[in-house]
Amino acid sequence: MIQQDIINGIALGVVGWRQPTRSGSPVIDSTNTPSSSGLYFQDGHSLCTIDNIKSVVDDDSITDANLNTLLNNLSQSALTDVCNTIFTKEDHIDTGLLYKFENRVAQTLAGDVDFVGFQIDLSKRNDLALIINSLILEFNGAGSVKVLLFNSTQQTPIKTQVITTIANTSVITPVDWRLTDLQYGGMWYIGYLRGSLSISALDRNYRQAILPYMFPDVGIRSIRIAGWNQETMFDPLQNQWTYHPWGLNFNMSLFNDFTQIVKTNINRFAKALQLQVCVTVLKMISNSTRSNKSERLSKAYAMLELDGNRNNPNMPYTVGLNTELKNELKRLHDTYNPRGIVRATL
């Protein structure tokens, strides 16, 4: 999987746009001119120019501000396309409930002033993401419980969710909370404060109901922070390990997450990003419905440059921009999806 919001945030500034020097050309803003890789989109193909883009967009009176937004979108969409082409292997590892077995409804946990819940320890790898798909609360009465998600590196909660409980009934609330080491590192904690609650959690204590499902590369342990009654990160050294589920259950999915690989090696993706944007621009030119001098001169040339010329002896031989992009994507795919060691018997 790829975290789209993070990919969008790092796409700009990898490959830049040069400011056109021709009088009357659009003014490129500071979000589109930087290039950490030293590459520029105009160098990827001679048709990939600011003036050509402006001449083929649907809005023939597009402002400089809107054109800069379009350039932003081109970079972000191109990096997404590059990532989706490179990282093609199956990314889903597992999905399931933390507690799968039945609950003994009659037994409850007495209230106290504390934070109760779970410590979640992701394996310290750069390619894992644990998604909490939904929270499941089981209490003996109706009330409001505020579930808090902490990371040990942050003082305030990363996520919160207020859930209205129903007596002796599992209440399922979708949340889509993503836990990775990409943004924060540290340890994750999820739970609630019991100090102000008038209801009690049901305790799973029937046959195998106390046994949690074990996710690969994820350690989940029940905890209690005695005397804690604040919606801020506590001292992890105050953890008390317990065996209670505290009326909490989760539906979770574990994925391979390739976002960190892209983020920490972003300049290695710069050539593919440059070529992908150039391909997009040439497709814009060849498919444009507008009619003007620039468009008419460029359309046929763009179609030829996309696929190249290998069969017409009356024109120069070219491999085409699509082939250049395909070769660069294959190089990156082979780098980040190694085949490993192949064993054979002679």
Protein backbone atom coordinates (compact mmCIF):
# COMPACT_ATOMS: atom_id res chain seq x y z
CA MET A 1 0.00 0.00 0.00
CA ILE A 2 0.95 3.64 -0.48
CA GLN A 3 -0.23 6.40 1.85
CA GLN A 4 -1.67 8.85 -0.65
CA ASP A 5 -1.58 11.92 1.60
CA ILE A 6 2.14 11.48 2.27
CA ILE A 7 2.94 10.79 -1.39
CA ASN A 8 1.10 13.99 -2.36
CA GLY A 9 3.11 15.89 0.23
CA ILE A 10 6.51 14.80 -1.08
CA ALA A 11 5.80 14.92 -4.83
CA LEU A 12 6.37 18.65 -5.19
CA GLY A 13 9.96 19.86 -5.35
CA VAL A 14 11.50 16.60 -6.55
CA VAL A 15 11.47 17.62 -10.22
CA GLY A 16 10.93 21.30 -11.01
CA TRP A 17 9.51 23.52 -13.71
CA ARG A 18 11.76 26.20 -15.17
CA GLN A 19 10.28 29.65 -15.46
CA PRO A 20 9.65 30.37 -19.18
CA THR A 21 11.68 33.29 -20.48
CA ARG A 22 9.33 34.28 -23.29
CA SER A 23 7.48 37.53 -22.67
CA GLY A 24 3.88 36.99 -21.61
CA SER A 25 4.42 33.41 -20.42
CA PRO A 26 2.71 32.28 -17.18
CA VAL A 27 4.54 32.94 -13.91
CA ILE A 28 5.49 29.71 -12.11
CA ASP A 29 5.19 29.92 -8.33
CA SER A 30 7.60 28.70 -5.65
CA THR A 31 5.85 25.34 -5.18
CA ASN A 32 6.66 24.26 -8.73
CA THR A 33 10.16 25.63 -9.39
CA PRO A 34 12.34 23.75 -6.81
CA SER A 35 14.14 20.55 -7.85
CA SER A 36 15.89 18.48 -5.17
CA SER A 37 17.02 16.02 -7.86
CA GLY A 38 18.36 18.63 -10.28
CA LEU A 39 15.91 17.42 -12.96
CA TYR A 40 13.36 19.64 -14.70
CA PHE A 41 10.25 18.55 -16.56
CA GLN A 42 11.07 20.61 -19.66
CA ASP A 43 14.25 18.53 -20.08
CA GLY A 44 12.23 15.32 -20.28
CA HIS A 45 10.79 16.24 -23.68
CA SER A 46 10.81 19.31 -25.89
CA LEU A 47 6.98 19.38 -26.03
CA CYS A 48 6.67 19.42 -22.25
CA THR A 49 6.53 23.19 -21.83
CA ILE A 50 4.43 25.56 -19.79
CA ASP A 51 3.13 27.33 -22.91
CA ASN A 52 2.09 24.03 -24.51
CA ILE A 53 0.23 22.99 -21.36
CA LYS A 54 -1.59 26.30 -21.23
CA SER A 55 -2.53 26.02 -24.90
CA VAL A 56 -4.27 22.63 -24.51
CA VAL A 57 -6.12 22.88 -21.16
CA ASP A 58 -9.91 23.11 -21.37
CA ASP A 59 -9.95 26.62 -19.90
CA ASP A 60 -8.63 28.94 -22.59
CA SER A 61 -8.49 31.82 -20.09
CA ILE A 62 -6.84 29.92 -17.26
CA THR A 63 -5.14 32.13 -14.67
CA ASP A 64 -1.55 31.69 -13.55
CA ALA A 65 -2.77 30.59 -10.12
CA ASN A 66 -4.98 27.86 -11.57
CA LEU A 67 -2.25 26.79 -13.95
CA ASN A 68 0.12 26.38 -11.00
CA THR A 69 -2.51 24.25 -9.27
CA LEU A 70 -2.69 22.11 -12.41
CA LEU A 71 1.10 21.69 -12.35
CA ASN A 72 0.88 20.63 -8.68
CA ASN A 73 -1.72 18.04 -9.58
CA LEU A 74 0.37 16.73 -12.48
CA SER A 75 3.31 16.02 -10.15
CA GLN A 76 1.19 14.41 -7.45
CA SER A 77 -0.77 12.21 -9.85
CA ALA A 78 2.42 11.22 -11.68
CA LEU A 79 4.19 10.08 -8.49
CA THR A 80 1.11 8.06 -7.52
CA ASP A 81 1.09 6.38 -10.94
CA VAL A 82 4.81 5.64 -10.64
CA CYS A 83 4.41 4.08 -7.19
CA ASN A 84 1.42 1.98 -8.21
CA THR A 85 3.38 0.60 -11.15
CA ILE A 86 6.52 -0.17 -9.16
CA PHE A 87 4.98 -1.72 -6.06
CA THR A 88 2.74 -4.38 -7.54
CA LYS A 89 3.14 -7.32 -5.17
CA GLU A 90 0.30 -8.26 -2.83
CA ASP A 91 0.40 -5.93 0.17
CA HIS A 92 -2.31 -7.39 2.41
CA ILE A 93 -0.88 -9.58 5.18
CA ASP A 94 -3.78 -10.29 7.52
CA THR A 95 -7.18 -9.07 8.72
CA GLY A 96 -9.09 -10.15 11.79
CA LEU A 97 -10.49 -9.43 15.24
CA LEU A 98 -8.24 -9.13 18.26
CA TYR A 99 -10.72 -11.23 20.26
CA LYS A 100 -12.69 -13.77 18.25
CA PHE A 101 -14.43 -15.83 20.90
CA GLU A 102 -17.67 -15.42 22.83
CA ASN A 103 -18.09 -13.14 25.83
CA ARG A 104 -19.44 -13.95 29.29
CA VAL A 105 -21.88 -11.05 29.57
CA ALA A 106 -22.60 -11.42 33.31
CA GLN A 107 -19.04 -10.60 34.40
CA THR A 108 -17.91 -6.96 34.47
CA LEU A 109 -14.80 -5.00 35.48
CA ALA A 110 -15.18 -2.68 38.46
CA GLY A 111 -14.49 1.01 37.68
CA ASP A 112 -11.46 2.95 38.89
CA VAL A 113 -9.47 6.12 38.15
CA ASP A 114 -7.04 4.98 35.46
CA PHE A 115 -6.28 4.65 31.76
CA VAL A 116 -6.96 1.14 30.46
CA GLY A 117 -6.44 -0.38 27.06
CA PHE A 118 -3.62 -1.83 24.99
CA GLN A 119 -0.03 -1.23 24.03
CA ILE A 120 0.58 -1.91 20.32
CA ASP A 121 4.16 -2.57 19.29
CA LEU A 122 4.77 -2.71 15.53
CA SER A 123 7.88 -4.52 14.38
CA LYS A 124 10.54 -1.85 13.74
CA ARG A 125 10.40 -2.13 9.97
CA ASN A 126 9.88 0.58 7.40
CA ASP A 127 7.27 -1.32 5.39
CA LEU A 128 4.43 -2.15 7.79
CA ALA A 129 1.10 -0.45 8.47
CA LEU A 130 -1.55 -1.63 10.92
CA ILE A 131 -5.03 -0.31 10.13
CA ILE A 132 -7.65 -0.33 12.87
CA ASN A 133 -10.77 -0.69 10.74
CA SER A 134 -13.28 -0.49 13.57
CA LEU A 135 -13.56 -0.24 17.34
CA ILE A 136 -15.84 -2.65 19.18
CA LEU A 137 -16.99 -1.68 22.68
CA GLU A 138 -18.76 -4.01 25.13
CA PHE A 139 -20.21 -2.45 28.30
CA ASN A 140 -22.98 -3.28 30.74
CA GLY A 141 -24.94 -0.03 30.18
CA ALA A 142 -25.60 2.91 27.89
CA GLY A 143 -23.10 5.74 28.03
CA SER A 144 -20.39 7.66 26.15
CA VAL A 145 -16.84 6.32 26.05
CA LYS A 146 -14.05 8.37 24.47
CA VAL A 147 -11.43 6.08 22.95
CA LEU A 148 -7.96 7.65 22.69
CA LEU A 149 -5.08 6.67 20.41
CA PHE A 150 -1.64 7.81 21.61
CA ASN A 151 1.85 7.57 20.26
CA SER A 152 4.62 7.69 22.85
CA THR A 153 6.40 10.49 20.96
CA GLN A 154 3.42 12.87 21.11
CA GLN A 155 1.85 14.56 24.13
CA THR A 156 -1.69 14.81 22.73
CA PRO A 157 -3.83 12.01 21.24
CA ILE A 158 -3.27 11.15 17.58
CA LYS A 159 -6.94 10.15 17.20
CA THR A 160 -10.07 10.18 19.37
CA GLN A 161 -13.53 8.69 18.94
CA VAL A 162 -16.57 9.08 21.23
CA ILE A 163 -18.75 5.95 21.15
CA THR A 164 -22.22 5.54 22.63
CA THR A 165 -22.52 2.09 24.19
CA ILE A 166 -25.53 -0.21 24.44
CA ALA A 167 -26.02 -2.43 27.48
CA ASN A 168 -24.54 -5.92 27.05
CA THR A 169 -24.19 -5.45 23.29
CA SER A 170 -21.17 -5.10 21.03
CA VAL A 171 -21.15 -1.63 19.43
CA ILE A 172 -19.09 -1.51 16.21
CA THR A 173 -17.73 1.88 15.07
CA PRO A 174 -15.67 2.26 11.85
CA VAL A 175 -12.59 4.46 12.36
CA ASP A 176 -9.84 3.69 9.79
CA TRP A 177 -6.91 4.53 12.12
CA ARG A 178 -3.50 3.94 10.56
CA LEU A 179 -0.53 2.97 12.73
CA THR A 180 2.93 3.09 11.17
CA ASP A 181 6.46 4.05 12.13
CA LEU A 182 6.55 6.51 9.23
CA GLN A 183 5.33 9.64 11.00
CA TYR A 184 6.19 8.99 14.62
CA GLY A 185 8.09 5.83 15.51
CA GLY A 186 7.68 5.03 19.20
CA MET A 187 4.97 2.86 20.74
CA TRP A 188 1.20 3.04 20.25
CA TYR A 189 -1.42 3.03 23.02
CA ILE A 190 -5.18 2.78 22.64
CA GLY A 191 -7.76 2.90 25.42
CA TYR A 192 -9.96 5.13 27.55
CA LEU A 193 -10.16 6.86 30.92
CA ARG A 194 -12.42 5.17 33.48
CA GLY A 195 -12.51 7.91 36.11
CA SER A 196 -15.76 9.57 34.97
CA LEU A 197 -17.61 6.51 33.64
CA SER A 198 -20.75 5.22 35.35
CA ILE A 199 -20.80 2.03 33.26
CA SER A 200 -18.49 -0.97 33.42
CA ALA A 201 -16.73 -2.95 30.74
CA LEU A 202 -17.70 -6.53 30.10
CA ASP A 203 -14.89 -8.94 30.84
CA ARG A 204 -14.08 -11.69 28.38
CA ASN A 205 -13.57 -14.67 30.60
CA TYR A 206 -15.32 -17.66 29.10
CA ARG A 207 -13.44 -20.66 27.72
CA GLN A 208 -10.99 -19.24 25.17
CA ALA A 209 -12.50 -15.74 25.03
CA ILE A 210 -9.52 -14.12 26.77
CA LEU A 211 -7.10 -15.28 24.08
CA PRO A 212 -6.25 -12.52 21.55
CA TYR A 213 -5.50 -13.23 17.91
CA MET A 214 -1.79 -12.91 17.20
CA PHE A 215 -0.92 -10.73 14.21
CA PRO A 216 2.50 -11.29 12.60
CA ASP A 217 5.05 -8.57 13.45
CA VAL A 218 2.62 -6.93 15.90
CA GLY A 219 2.74 -7.21 19.70
CA ILE A 220 -0.49 -6.25 21.52
CA ARG A 221 -0.65 -6.31 25.33
CA SER A 222 -3.33 -5.27 27.80
CA ILE A 223 -2.27 -2.40 30.07
CA ARG A 224 -3.46 -0.21 32.95
CA ILE A 225 -2.08 3.18 34.08
CA ALA A 226 -3.28 3.50 37.67
CA GLY A 227 -4.38 6.97 38.83
CA TRP A 228 -4.21 8.52 35.35
CA ASN A 229 -7.16 10.74 34.42
CA GLN A 230 -5.85 13.11 31.72
CA GLU A 231 -6.22 13.04 27.93
CA THR A 232 -2.46 13.31 27.49
CA MET A 233 0.33 10.82 27.00
CA PHE A 234 1.32 9.13 30.24
CA ASP A 235 4.72 7.86 31.35
CA PRO A 236 5.11 4.45 29.63
CA LEU A 237 7.18 3.28 32.60
CA GLN A 238 3.96 3.35 34.66
CA ASN A 239 2.49 0.50 32.59
CA GLN A 240 0.91 -2.32 34.52
CA TRP A 241 0.52 -5.42 32.37
CA THR A 242 -2.90 -7.04 32.74
CA TYR A 243 -4.95 -9.79 31.11
CA HIS A 244 -8.25 -7.88 30.84
CA PRO A 245 -9.62 -6.76 27.45
CA TRP A 246 -11.32 -3.74 29.12
CA GLY A 247 -14.44 -4.03 26.97
CA LEU A 248 -12.38 -3.18 23.88
CA ASN A 249 -12.02 -5.13 20.68
CA PHE A 250 -10.69 -4.18 17.23
CA ASN A 251 -11.06 -5.27 13.67
CA MET A 252 -7.58 -4.79 12.20
CA SER A 253 -5.71 -5.22 8.93
CA LEU A 254 -1.96 -5.51 8.50
CA PHE A 255 -0.37 -4.35 5.24
CA ASN A 256 3.02 -3.96 3.65
CA ASP A 257 3.40 -0.19 3.38
CA PHE A 258 5.91 1.09 0.82
CA THR A 259 5.48 4.79 1.59
CA GLN A 260 8.60 5.01 3.73
CA ILE A 261 10.73 3.47 0.97
CA VAL A 262 9.56 6.16 -1.46
CA LYS A 263 9.90 8.99 1.04
CA THR A 264 13.46 8.18 2.11
CA ASN A 265 14.66 7.50 -1.45
CA ILE A 266 12.56 10.06 -3.27
CA ASN A 267 15.27 11.36 -5.62
CA ARG A 268 15.74 7.85 -6.99
CA PHE A 269 12.18 8.15 -8.31
CA ALA A 270 12.85 11.54 -9.92
CA LYS A 271 13.56 10.31 -13.48
CA ALA A 272 10.40 8.21 -13.50
CA LEU A 273 8.44 11.18 -12.17
CA GLN A 274 9.86 13.42 -14.89
CA LEU A 275 9.03 10.95 -17.66
CA GLN A 276 5.55 10.23 -16.28
CA VAL A 277 4.65 13.94 -16.31
CA CYS A 278 6.04 14.30 -19.84
CA VAL A 279 3.92 11.35 -21.01
CA THR A 280 0.86 12.93 -19.41
CA VAL A 281 1.55 16.28 -21.08
CA LEU A 282 2.02 14.66 -24.51
CA LYS A 283 -1.28 12.81 -24.05
CA MET A 284 -2.93 16.11 -23.15
CA ILE A 285 -1.58 17.61 -26.37
CA SER A 286 -2.56 14.67 -28.58
CA ASN A 287 -6.09 14.47 -27.11
CA SER A 288 -6.81 18.18 -26.82
CA THR A 289 -10.18 19.41 -28.10
CA ARG A 290 -8.96 22.98 -28.36
CA SER A 291 -7.87 24.42 -31.69
CA ASN A 292 -5.06 26.95 -31.88
CA LYS A 293 -1.74 27.35 -33.61
CA SER A 294 0.34 25.73 -30.86
CA GLU A 295 -2.06 22.83 -30.53
CA ARG A 296 -2.18 22.11 -34.29
CA LEU A 297 1.59 22.13 -34.66
CA SER A 298 2.12 19.86 -31.64
CA LYS A 299 -0.66 17.24 -31.85
CA ALA A 300 0.76 14.98 -34.56
CA TYR A 301 4.30 15.33 -33.18
CA ALA A 302 3.09 14.37 -29.70
CA MET A 303 1.40 11.19 -30.94
CA LEU A 304 4.59 10.14 -32.73
CA GLU A 305 6.81 10.94 -29.74
CA LEU A 306 4.66 8.93 -27.35
CA ASP A 307 4.98 5.61 -29.19
CA GLY A 308 8.05 6.31 -31.33
CA ASN A 309 8.79 5.23 -34.86
CA ARG A 310 10.18 1.78 -35.55
CA ASN A 311 8.56 0.82 -38.85
CA ASN A 312 8.34 3.89 -41.10
CA PRO A 313 11.63 4.18 -43.05
CA ASN A 314 10.73 7.71 -44.15
CA MET A 315 11.01 9.05 -40.62
CA PRO A 316 13.78 8.92 -37.97
CA TYR A 317 13.83 5.87 -35.71
CA THR A 318 12.69 6.70 -32.16
CA VAL A 319 11.80 4.43 -29.23
CA GLY A 320 9.12 6.74 -27.87
CA LEU A 321 8.55 8.29 -24.50
CA ASN A 322 6.28 5.46 -23.34
CA THR A 323 9.13 3.00 -23.81
CA GLU A 324 11.57 5.24 -21.94
CA LEU A 325 9.14 5.43 -19.03
CA LYS A 326 8.51 1.69 -19.12
CA ASN A 327 12.24 0.96 -18.92
CA GLU A 328 12.74 3.33 -15.99
CA LEU A 329 9.79 1.85 -14.12
CA LYS A 330 11.15 -1.66 -14.70
CA ARG A 331 14.51 -0.61 -13.29
CA LEU A 332 12.85 0.71 -10.12
CA HIS A 333 10.55 -2.30 -9.89
CA ASP A 334 13.52 -4.69 -10.03
CA THR A 335 15.34 -2.59 -7.41
CA TYR A 336 12.52 -2.54 -4.86
CA ASN A 337 10.96 -5.91 -5.68
CA PRO A 338 14.00 -8.20 -5.76
CA ARG A 339 13.42 -11.75 -6.94
CA GLY A 340 15.62 -13.22 -4.26
CA ILE A 341 17.73 -16.37 -4.57
CA VAL A 342 16.52 -18.97 -7.03
CA ARG A 343 17.48 -22.56 -6.24
CA ALA A 344 17.54 -25.31 -8.84
CA THR A 345 18.66 -28.93 -8.94
CA LEU A 346 20.93 -29.92 -11.79
